[in-house]
Amino acid sequence: MSGEMMEREMQRLEAENAELLKRLAAQQRNAEQVAVDAVATIESSARIWRELVRDLRKENEELQIYRRAIESMAVRFTRATAMELAHDILGEKE
């Protein structure tokens, strides 16, 4: 191979190498952006799940309050109904 041919081959290889390095750098920047986006998505999802759990706990607390109130009213109603029934059975109704 002549010196001129070797020089052209070296230039071609250097140009190809430069292009590959440029593409590699672009891919690396893209991969870094994907990683940043993934972290942001994970953090956002975690925040949403924490809010959801907090809301569900609050709703559960409210439902427990309603459940206790309904149970209390049911007990009072049952007692009152039982007393009325007992008065009816015993003939003591006024």
PDB file of N, CA and C in Angstrom:
ATOM      1  N   MET A   1       0.857  -1.163   0.000  1.00  0.00           N
ATOM      2  CA  MET A   1       0.000   0.000   0.000  1.00  0.00           C
ATOM      3  C   MET A   1       0.904   1.226   0.000  1.00  0.00           C
ATOM      4  N   SER A   2       0.601   2.159  -0.862  1.00  0.00           N
ATOM      5  CA  SER A   2       1.436   3.354  -0.946  1.00  0.00           C
ATOM      6  C   SER A   2       1.137   4.275   0.223  1.00  0.00           C
ATOM      7  N   GLY A   3       2.025   5.205   0.425  1.00  0.00           N
ATOM      8  CA  GLY A   3       1.874   6.163   1.509  1.00  0.00           C
ATOM      9  C   GLY A   3       0.619   7.006   1.351  1.00  0.00           C
ATOM     10  N   GLU A   4       0.296   7.358   0.108  1.00  0.00           N
ATOM     11  CA  GLU A   4      -0.900   8.172  -0.145  1.00  0.00           C
ATOM     12  C   GLU A   4      -2.176   7.390   0.165  1.00  0.00           C
ATOM     13  N   MET A   5      -2.200   6.132  -0.194  1.00  0.00           N
ATOM     14  CA  MET A   5      -3.358   5.281   0.088  1.00  0.00           C
ATOM     15  C   MET A   5      -3.513   5.074   1.591  1.00  0.00           C
ATOM     16  N   MET A   6      -2.385   4.905   2.270  1.00  0.00           N
ATOM     17  CA  MET A   6      -2.433   4.732   3.728  1.00  0.00           C
ATOM     18  C   MET A   6      -2.952   6.009   4.389  1.00  0.00           C
ATOM     19  N   GLU A   7      -2.531   7.152   3.875  1.00  0.00           N
ATOM     20  CA  GLU A   7      -2.982   8.438   4.420  1.00  0.00           C
ATOM     21  C   GLU A   7      -4.497   8.588   4.244  1.00  0.00           C
ATOM     22  N   ARG A   8      -5.017   8.266   3.049  1.00  0.00           N
ATOM     23  CA  ARG A   8      -6.459   8.349   2.813  1.00  0.00           C
ATOM     24  C   ARG A   8      -7.220   7.369   3.710  1.00  0.00           C
ATOM     25  N   GLU A   9      -6.688   6.184   3.870  1.00  0.00           N
ATOM     26  CA  GLU A   9      -7.339   5.184   4.746  1.00  0.00           C
ATOM     27  C   GLU A   9      -7.349   5.671   6.184  1.00  0.00           C
ATOM     28  N   MET A  10      -6.263   6.274   6.621  1.00  0.00           N
ATOM     29  CA  MET A  10      -6.194   6.832   7.977  1.00  0.00           C
ATOM     30  C   MET A  10      -7.220   7.952   8.141  1.00  0.00           C
ATOM     31  N   GLN A  11      -7.337   8.823   7.156  1.00  0.00           N
ATOM     32  CA  GLN A  11      -8.323   9.907   7.210  1.00  0.00           C
ATOM     33  C   GLN A  11      -9.740   9.350   7.257  1.00  0.00           C
ATOM     34  N   ARG A  12     -10.002   8.326   6.426  1.00  0.00           N
ATOM     35  CA  ARG A  12     -11.328   7.709   6.421  1.00  0.00           C
ATOM     36  C   ARG A  12     -11.636   7.079   7.776  1.00  0.00           C
ATOM     37  N   LEU A  13     -10.657   6.369   8.330  1.00  0.00           N
ATOM     38  CA  LEU A  13     -10.841   5.740   9.639  1.00  0.00           C
ATOM     39  C   LEU A  13     -11.018   6.783  10.738  1.00  0.00           C
ATOM     40  N   GLU A  14     -10.259   7.864  10.669  1.00  0.00           N
ATOM     41  CA  GLU A  14     -10.403   8.940  11.653  1.00  0.00           C
ATOM     42  C   GLU A  14     -11.778   9.590  11.546  1.00  0.00           C
ATOM     43  N   ALA A  15     -12.257   9.814  10.316  1.00  0.00           N
ATOM     44  CA  ALA A  15     -13.589  10.394  10.124  1.00  0.00           C
ATOM     45  C   ALA A  15     -14.662   9.439  10.648  1.00  0.00           C
ATOM     46  N   GLU A  16     -14.496   8.147  10.342  1.00  0.00           N
ATOM     47  CA  GLU A  16     -15.449   7.149  10.832  1.00  0.00           C
ATOM     48  C   GLU A  16     -15.420   7.095  12.351  1.00  0.00           C
ATOM     49  N   ASN A  17     -14.239   7.146  12.922  1.00  0.00           N
ATOM     50  CA  ASN A  17     -14.080   7.137  14.368  1.00  0.00           C
ATOM     51  C   ASN A  17     -14.743   8.374  14.989  1.00  0.00           C
ATOM     52  N   ALA A  18     -14.548   9.530  14.371  1.00  0.00           N
ATOM     53  CA  ALA A  18     -15.159  10.770  14.868  1.00  0.00           C
ATOM     54  C   ALA A  18     -16.682  10.662  14.820  1.00  0.00           C
ATOM     55  N   GLU A  19     -17.208  10.114  13.736  1.00  0.00           N
ATOM     56  CA  GLU A  19     -18.671   9.939  13.609  1.00  0.00           C
ATOM     57  C   GLU A  19     -19.187   8.973  14.665  1.00  0.00           C
ATOM     58  N   LEU A  20     -18.460   7.889  14.878  1.00  0.00           N
ATOM     59  CA  LEU A  20     -18.874   6.922  15.905  1.00  0.00           C
ATOM     60  C   LEU A  20     -18.833   7.544  17.299  1.00  0.00           C
ATOM     61  N   LEU A  21     -17.811   8.340  17.563  1.00  0.00           N
ATOM     62  CA  LEU A  21     -17.719   9.021  18.863  1.00  0.00           C
ATOM     63  C   LEU A  21     -18.874  10.005  19.040  1.00  0.00           C
ATOM     64  N   LYS A  22     -19.223  10.701  17.955  1.00  0.00           N
ATOM     65  CA  LYS A  22     -20.341  11.641  18.000  1.00  0.00           C
ATOM     66  C   LYS A  22     -21.651  10.905  18.288  1.00  0.00           C
ATOM     67  N   ARG A  23     -21.860   9.779  17.613  1.00  0.00           N
ATOM     68  CA  ARG A  23     -23.070   8.988  17.843  1.00  0.00           C
ATOM     69  C   ARG A  23     -23.104   8.408  19.251  1.00  0.00           C
ATOM     70  N   LEU A  24     -21.942   7.970  19.723  1.00  0.00           N
ATOM     71  CA  LEU A  24     -21.856   7.434  21.079  1.00  0.00           C
ATOM     72  C   LEU A  24     -22.196   8.507  22.112  1.00  0.00           C
ATOM     73  N   ALA A  25     -21.686   9.707  21.915  1.00  0.00           N
ATOM     74  CA  ALA A  25     -21.982  10.806  22.843  1.00  0.00           C
ATOM     75  C   ALA A  25     -23.474  11.128  22.828  1.00  0.00           C
ATOM     76  N   ALA A  26     -24.090  11.120  21.639  1.00  0.00           N
ATOM     77  CA  ALA A  26     -25.527  11.390  21.537  1.00  0.00           C
ATOM     78  C   ALA A  26     -26.326  10.299  22.247  1.00  0.00           C
ATOM     79  N   GLN A  27     -25.925   9.049  22.067  1.00  0.00           N
ATOM     80  CA  GLN A  27     -26.611   7.947  22.737  1.00  0.00           C
ATOM     81  C   GLN A  27     -26.453   8.033  24.248  1.00  0.00           C
ATOM     82  N   GLN A  28     -25.263   8.452  24.677  1.00  0.00           N
ATOM     83  CA  GLN A  28     -25.027   8.592  26.115  1.00  0.00           C
ATOM     84  C   GLN A  28     -25.906   9.692  26.697  1.00  0.00           C
ATOM     85  N   ARG A  29     -26.010  10.835  25.981  1.00  0.00           N
ATOM     86  CA  ARG A  29     -26.890  11.920  26.449  1.00  0.00           C
ATOM     87  C   ARG A  29     -28.334  11.441  26.495  1.00  0.00           C
ATOM     88  N   ASN A  30     -28.731  10.677  25.478  1.00  0.00           N
ATOM     89  CA  ASN A  30     -30.092  10.142  25.445  1.00  0.00           C
ATOM     90  C   ASN A  30     -30.328   9.198  26.624  1.00  0.00           C
ATOM     91  N   ALA A  31     -29.368   8.326  26.891  1.00  0.00           N
ATOM     92  CA  ALA A  31     -29.499   7.389  28.011  1.00  0.00           C
ATOM     93  C   ALA A  31     -29.575   8.142  29.339  1.00  0.00           C
ATOM     94  N   GLU A  32     -28.783   9.198  29.476  1.00  0.00           N
ATOM     95  CA  GLU A  32     -28.825   9.998  30.703  1.00  0.00           C
ATOM     96  C   GLU A  32     -30.186  10.666  30.856  1.00  0.00           C
ATOM     97  N   GLN A  33     -30.750  11.157  29.757  1.00  0.00           N
ATOM     98  CA  GLN A  33     -32.065  11.803  29.821  1.00  0.00           C
ATOM     99  C   GLN A  33     -33.147  10.778  30.164  1.00  0.00           C
ATOM    100  N   VAL A  34     -33.022   9.587  29.602  1.00  0.00           N
ATOM    101  CA  VAL A  34     -33.976   8.524  29.923  1.00  0.00           C
ATOM    102  C   VAL A  34     -33.905   8.203  31.417  1.00  0.00           C
ATOM    103  N   ALA A  35     -32.707   8.146  31.958  1.00  0.00           N
ATOM    104  CA  ALA A  35     -32.543   7.866  33.388  1.00  0.00           C
ATOM    105  C   ALA A  35     -33.151   8.979  34.233  1.00  0.00           C
ATOM    106  N   VAL A  36     -32.921  10.224  33.846  1.00  0.00           N
ATOM    107  CA  VAL A  36     -33.495  11.367  34.574  1.00  0.00           C
ATOM    108  C   VAL A  36     -35.018  11.306  34.520  1.00  0.00           C
ATOM    109  N   ASP A  37     -35.549  11.025  33.332  1.00  0.00           N
ATOM    110  CA  ASP A  37     -37.000  10.926  33.179  1.00  0.00           C
ATOM    111  C   ASP A  37     -37.567   9.775  34.009  1.00  0.00           C
ATOM    112  N   ALA A  38     -36.856   8.652  34.042  1.00  0.00           N
ATOM    113  CA  ALA A  38     -37.314   7.504  34.822  1.00  0.00           C
ATOM    114  C   ALA A  38     -37.362   7.842  36.311  1.00  0.00           C
ATOM    115  N   VAL A  39     -36.339   8.512  36.799  1.00  0.00           N
ATOM    116  CA  VAL A  39     -36.315   8.906  38.217  1.00  0.00           C
ATOM    117  C   VAL A  39     -37.474   9.857  38.510  1.00  0.00           C
ATOM    118  N   ALA A  40     -37.704  10.816  37.619  1.00  0.00           N
ATOM    119  CA  ALA A  40     -38.816  11.759  37.811  1.00  0.00           C
ATOM    120  C   ALA A  40     -40.154  11.027  37.823  1.00  0.00           C
ATOM    121  N   THR A  41     -40.305  10.053  36.946  1.00  0.00           N
ATOM    122  CA  THR A  41     -41.544   9.279  36.895  1.00  0.00           C
ATOM    123  C   THR A  41     -41.731   8.472  38.169  1.00  0.00           C
ATOM    124  N   ILE A  42     -40.666   7.860  38.628  1.00  0.00           N
ATOM    125  CA  ILE A  42     -40.739   7.062  39.865  1.00  0.00           C
ATOM    126  C   ILE A  42     -41.090   7.960  41.049  1.00  0.00           C
ATOM    127  N   GLU A  43     -40.459   9.116  41.144  1.00  0.00           N
ATOM    128  CA  GLU A  43     -40.750  10.039  42.242  1.00  0.00           C
ATOM    129  C   GLU A  43     -42.192  10.523  42.172  1.00  0.00           C
ATOM    130  N   SER A  44     -42.658  10.824  40.983  1.00  0.00           N
ATOM    131  CA  SER A  44     -44.038  11.267  40.807  1.00  0.00           C
ATOM    132  C   SER A  44     -45.012  10.161  41.196  1.00  0.00           C
ATOM    133  N   SER A  45     -44.718   8.943  40.761  1.00  0.00           N
ATOM    134  CA  SER A  45     -45.582   7.807  41.102  1.00  0.00           C
ATOM    135  C   SER A  45     -45.600   7.586  42.612  1.00  0.00           C
ATOM    136  N   ALA A  46     -44.466   7.683  43.228  1.00  0.00           N
ATOM    137  CA  ALA A  46     -44.389   7.497  44.686  1.00  0.00           C
ATOM    138  C   ALA A  46     -45.220   8.555  45.399  1.00  0.00           C
ATOM    139  N   ARG A  47     -45.138   9.790  44.922  1.00  0.00           N
ATOM    140  CA  ARG A  47     -45.923  10.877  45.524  1.00  0.00           C
ATOM    141  C   ARG A  47     -47.419  10.610  45.354  1.00  0.00           C
ATOM    142  N   ILE A  48     -47.814  10.179  44.166  1.00  0.00           N
ATOM    143  CA  ILE A  48     -49.227   9.876  43.907  1.00  0.00           C
ATOM    144  C   ILE A  48     -49.705   8.746  44.813  1.00  0.00           C
ATOM    145  N   TRP A  49     -48.883   7.689  44.953  1.00  0.00           N
ATOM    146  CA  TRP A  49     -49.276   6.570  45.810  1.00  0.00           C
ATOM    147  C   TRP A  49     -49.379   6.998  47.273  1.00  0.00           C
ATOM    148  N   ARG A  50     -48.435   7.849  47.719  1.00  0.00           N
ATOM    149  CA  ARG A  50     -48.514   8.328  49.114  1.00  0.00           C
ATOM    150  C   ARG A  50     -49.800   9.112  49.327  1.00  0.00           C
ATOM    151  N   GLU A  51     -50.154   9.977  48.371  1.00  0.00           N
ATOM    152  CA  GLU A  51     -51.390  10.755  48.478  1.00  0.00           C
ATOM    153  C   GLU A  51     -52.607   9.843  48.472  1.00  0.00           C
ATOM    154  N   LEU A  52     -52.579   8.830  47.614  1.00  0.00           N
ATOM    155  CA  LEU A  52     -53.691   7.886  47.544  1.00  0.00           C
ATOM    156  C   LEU A  52     -53.853   7.138  48.862  1.00  0.00           C
ATOM    157  N   VAL A  53     -52.753   6.657  49.412  1.00  0.00           N
ATOM    158  CA  VAL A  53     -52.810   5.940  50.692  1.00  0.00           C
ATOM    159  C   VAL A  53     -53.331   6.865  51.791  1.00  0.00           C
ATOM    160  N   ARG A  54     -52.848   8.116  51.808  1.00  0.00           N
ATOM    161  CA  ARG A  54     -53.322   9.075  52.804  1.00  0.00           C
ATOM    162  C   ARG A  54     -54.827   9.301  52.658  1.00  0.00           C
ATOM    163  N   ASP A  55     -55.288   9.482  51.419  1.00  0.00           N
ATOM    164  CA  ASP A  55     -56.717   9.692  51.181  1.00  0.00           C
ATOM    165  C   ASP A  55     -57.539   8.478  51.596  1.00  0.00           C
ATOM    166  N   LEU A  56     -57.030   7.279  51.284  1.00  0.00           N
ATOM    167  CA  LEU A  56     -57.751   6.067  51.661  1.00  0.00           C
ATOM    168  C   LEU A  56     -57.821   5.904  53.180  1.00  0.00           C
ATOM    169  N   ARG A  57     -56.737   6.242  53.854  1.00  0.00           N
ATOM    170  CA  ARG A  57     -56.755   6.164  55.323  1.00  0.00           C
ATOM    171  C   ARG A  57     -57.775   7.138  55.901  1.00  0.00           C
ATOM    172  N   LYS A  58     -57.817   8.346  55.336  1.00  0.00           N
ATOM    173  CA  LYS A  58     -58.784   9.344  55.805  1.00  0.00           C
ATOM    174  C   LYS A  58     -60.204   8.860  55.564  1.00  0.00           C
ATOM    175  N   GLU A  59     -60.457   8.329  54.362  1.00  0.00           N
ATOM    176  CA  GLU A  59     -61.787   7.805  54.062  1.00  0.00           C
ATOM    177  C   GLU A  59     -62.135   6.648  54.987  1.00  0.00           C
ATOM    178  N   ASN A  60     -61.159   5.791  55.262  1.00  0.00           N
ATOM    179  CA  ASN A  60     -61.402   4.671  56.165  1.00  0.00           C
ATOM    180  C   ASN A  60     -61.763   5.177  57.567  1.00  0.00           C
ATOM    181  N   GLU A  61     -61.058   6.196  58.034  1.00  0.00           N
ATOM    182  CA  GLU A  61     -61.380   6.768  59.345  1.00  0.00           C
ATOM    183  C   GLU A  61     -62.804   7.304  59.358  1.00  0.00           C
ATOM    184  N   GLU A  62     -63.184   8.016  58.287  1.00  0.00           N
ATOM    185  CA  GLU A  62     -64.539   8.555  58.207  1.00  0.00           C
ATOM    186  C   GLU A  62     -65.572   7.434  58.170  1.00  0.00           C
ATOM    187  N   LEU A  63     -65.286   6.386  57.411  1.00  0.00           N
ATOM    188  CA  LEU A  63     -66.212   5.253  57.341  1.00  0.00           C
ATOM    189  C   LEU A  63     -66.351   4.570  58.697  1.00  0.00           C
ATOM    190  N   GLN A  64     -65.256   4.490  59.443  1.00  0.00           N
ATOM    191  CA  GLN A  64     -65.321   3.887  60.779  1.00  0.00           C
ATOM    192  C   GLN A  64     -66.213   4.717  61.701  1.00  0.00           C
ATOM    193  N   ILE A  65     -66.127   6.037  61.572  1.00  0.00           N
ATOM    194  CA  ILE A  65     -66.993   6.917  62.378  1.00  0.00           C
ATOM    195  C   ILE A  65     -68.450   6.656  62.020  1.00  0.00           C
ATOM    196  N   TYR A  66     -68.748   6.601  60.718  1.00  0.00           N
ATOM    197  CA  TYR A  66     -70.124   6.330  60.287  1.00  0.00           C
ATOM    198  C   TYR A  66     -70.585   4.947  60.755  1.00  0.00           C
ATOM    199  N   ARG A  67     -69.696   3.949  60.652  1.00  0.00           N
ATOM    200  CA  ARG A  67     -70.044   2.601  61.079  1.00  0.00           C
ATOM    201  C   ARG A  67     -70.404   2.569  62.557  1.00  0.00           C
ATOM    202  N   ARG A  68     -69.593   3.241  63.380  1.00  0.00           N
ATOM    203  CA  ARG A  68     -69.879   3.269  64.818  1.00  0.00           C
ATOM    204  C   ARG A  68     -71.192   3.987  65.105  1.00  0.00           C
ATOM    205  N   ALA A  69     -71.452   5.065  64.386  1.00  0.00           N
ATOM    206  CA  ALA A  69     -72.707   5.800  64.582  1.00  0.00           C
ATOM    207  C   ALA A  69     -73.903   4.932  64.191  1.00  0.00           C
ATOM    208  N   ILE A  70     -73.798   4.225  63.065  1.00  0.00           N
ATOM    209  CA  ILE A  70     -74.895   3.355  62.620  1.00  0.00           C
ATOM    210  C   ILE A  70     -75.107   2.214  63.612  1.00  0.00           C
ATOM    211  N   GLU A  71     -74.012   1.632  64.097  1.00  0.00           N
ATOM    212  CA  GLU A  71     -74.132   0.556  65.083  1.00  0.00           C
ATOM    213  C   GLU A  71     -74.823   1.057  66.345  1.00  0.00           C
ATOM    214  N   SER A  72     -74.441   2.253  66.776  1.00  0.00           N
ATOM    215  CA  SER A  72     -75.046   2.827  67.976  1.00  0.00           C
ATOM    216  C   SER A  72     -76.543   3.068  67.771  1.00  0.00           C
ATOM    217  N   MET A  73     -76.906   3.618  66.606  1.00  0.00           N
ATOM    218  CA  MET A  73     -78.319   3.865  66.316  1.00  0.00           C
ATOM    219  C   MET A  73     -79.079   2.540  66.230  1.00  0.00           C
ATOM    220  N   ALA A  74     -78.452   1.512  65.650  1.00  0.00           N
ATOM    221  CA  ALA A  74     -79.101   0.210  65.539  1.00  0.00           C
ATOM    222  C   ALA A  74     -79.351  -0.392  66.917  1.00  0.00           C
ATOM    223  N   VAL A  75     -78.385  -0.252  67.799  1.00  0.00           N
ATOM    224  CA  VAL A  75     -78.546  -0.771  69.163  1.00  0.00           C
ATOM    225  C   VAL A  75     -79.690  -0.033  69.857  1.00  0.00           C
ATOM    226  N   ARG A  76     -79.711   1.312  69.735  1.00  0.00           N
ATOM    227  CA  ARG A  76     -80.787   2.082  70.375  1.00  0.00           C
ATOM    228  C   ARG A  76     -82.156   1.720  69.788  1.00  0.00           C
ATOM    229  N   PHE A  77     -82.210   1.564  68.475  1.00  0.00           N
ATOM    230  CA  PHE A  77     -83.463   1.209  67.819  1.00  0.00           C
ATOM    231  C   PHE A  77     -83.929  -0.172  68.263  1.00  0.00           C
ATOM    232  N   THR A  78     -82.976  -1.110  68.327  1.00  0.00           N
ATOM    233  CA  THR A  78     -83.319  -2.469  68.744  1.00  0.00           C
ATOM    234  C   THR A  78     -83.831  -2.475  70.170  1.00  0.00           C
ATOM    235  N   ARG A  79     -83.179  -1.729  71.042  1.00  0.00           N
ATOM    236  CA  ARG A  79     -83.623  -1.668  72.443  1.00  0.00           C
ATOM    237  C   ARG A  79     -85.022  -1.045  72.538  1.00  0.00           C
ATOM    238  N   ALA A  80     -85.221   0.056  71.818  1.00  0.00           N
ATOM    239  CA  ALA A  80     -86.520   0.731  71.865  1.00  0.00           C
ATOM    240  C   ALA A  80     -87.606  -0.182  71.312  1.00  0.00           C
ATOM    241  N   THR A  81     -87.301  -0.858  70.205  1.00  0.00           N
ATOM    242  CA  THR A  81     -88.276  -1.769  69.603  1.00  0.00           C
ATOM    243  C   THR A  81     -88.562  -2.932  70.538  1.00  0.00           C
ATOM    244  N   ALA A  82     -87.533  -3.447  71.166  1.00  0.00           N
ATOM    245  CA  ALA A  82     -87.714  -4.558  72.111  1.00  0.00           C
ATOM    246  C   ALA A  82     -88.560  -4.118  73.294  1.00  0.00           C
ATOM    247  N   MET A  83     -88.330  -2.909  73.768  1.00  0.00           N
ATOM    248  CA  MET A  83     -89.122  -2.404  74.903  1.00  0.00           C
ATOM    249  C   MET A  83     -90.584  -2.240  74.493  1.00  0.00           C
ATOM    250  N   GLU A  84     -90.829  -1.699  73.300  1.00  0.00           N
ATOM    251  CA  GLU A  84     -92.203  -1.540  72.818  1.00  0.00           C
ATOM    252  C   GLU A  84     -92.872  -2.901  72.670  1.00  0.00           C
ATOM    253  N   LEU A  85     -92.133  -3.850  72.116  1.00  0.00           N
ATOM    254  CA  LEU A  85     -92.672  -5.187  71.932  1.00  0.00           C
ATOM    255  C   LEU A  85     -92.986  -5.823  73.282  1.00  0.00           C
ATOM    256  N   ALA A  86     -92.099  -5.643  74.239  1.00  0.00           N
ATOM    257  CA  ALA A  86     -92.321  -6.200  75.578  1.00  0.00           C
ATOM    258  C   ALA A  86     -93.555  -5.574  76.211  1.00  0.00           C
ATOM    259  N   HIS A  87     -93.712  -4.268  76.064  1.00  0.00           N
ATOM    260  CA  HIS A  87     -94.897  -3.588  76.617  1.00  0.00           C
ATOM    261  C   HIS A  87     -96.161  -4.116  75.938  1.00  0.00           C
ATOM    262  N   ASP A  88     -96.091  -4.336  74.608  1.00  0.00           N
ATOM    263  CA  ASP A  88     -97.253  -4.860  73.881  1.00  0.00           C
ATOM    264  C   ASP A  88     -97.602  -6.264  74.362  1.00  0.00           C
ATOM    265  N   ILE A  89     -96.578  -7.079  74.539  1.00  0.00           N
ATOM    266  CA  ILE A  89     -96.796  -8.460  74.956  1.00  0.00           C
ATOM    267  C   ILE A  89     -97.382  -8.495  76.371  1.00  0.00           C
ATOM    268  N   LEU A  90     -96.839  -7.648  77.229  1.00  0.00           N
ATOM    269  CA  LEU A  90     -97.290  -7.647  78.618  1.00  0.00           C
ATOM    270  C   LEU A  90     -98.544  -6.817  78.798  1.00  0.00           C
ATOM    271  N   GLY A  91     -98.957  -6.129  77.772  1.00  0.00           N
ATOM    272  CA  GLY A  91    -100.190  -5.332  77.864  1.00  0.00           C
ATOM    273  C   GLY A  91    -100.004  -4.072  78.651  1.00  0.00           C
ATOM    274  N   GLU A  92     -98.807  -3.547  78.705  1.00  0.00           N
ATOM    275  CA  GLU A  92     -98.534  -2.348  79.486  1.00  0.00           C
ATOM    276  C   GLU A  92     -98.416  -1.122  78.612  1.00  0.00           C
ATOM    277  N   LYS A  93     -98.877  -1.220  77.411  1.00  0.00           N
ATOM    278  CA  LYS A  93     -98.751  -0.074  76.514  1.00  0.00           C
ATOM    279  C   LYS A  93     -99.729   1.005  76.956  1.00  0.00           C
ATOM    280  N   GLU A  94     -99.258   2.227  76.926  1.00  0.00           N
ATOM    281  CA  GLU A  94    -100.103   3.326  77.388  1.00  0.00           C
ATOM    282  C   GLU A  94    -101.059   3.778  76.326  1.00  0.00           C
TER     283      GLU A  94
END
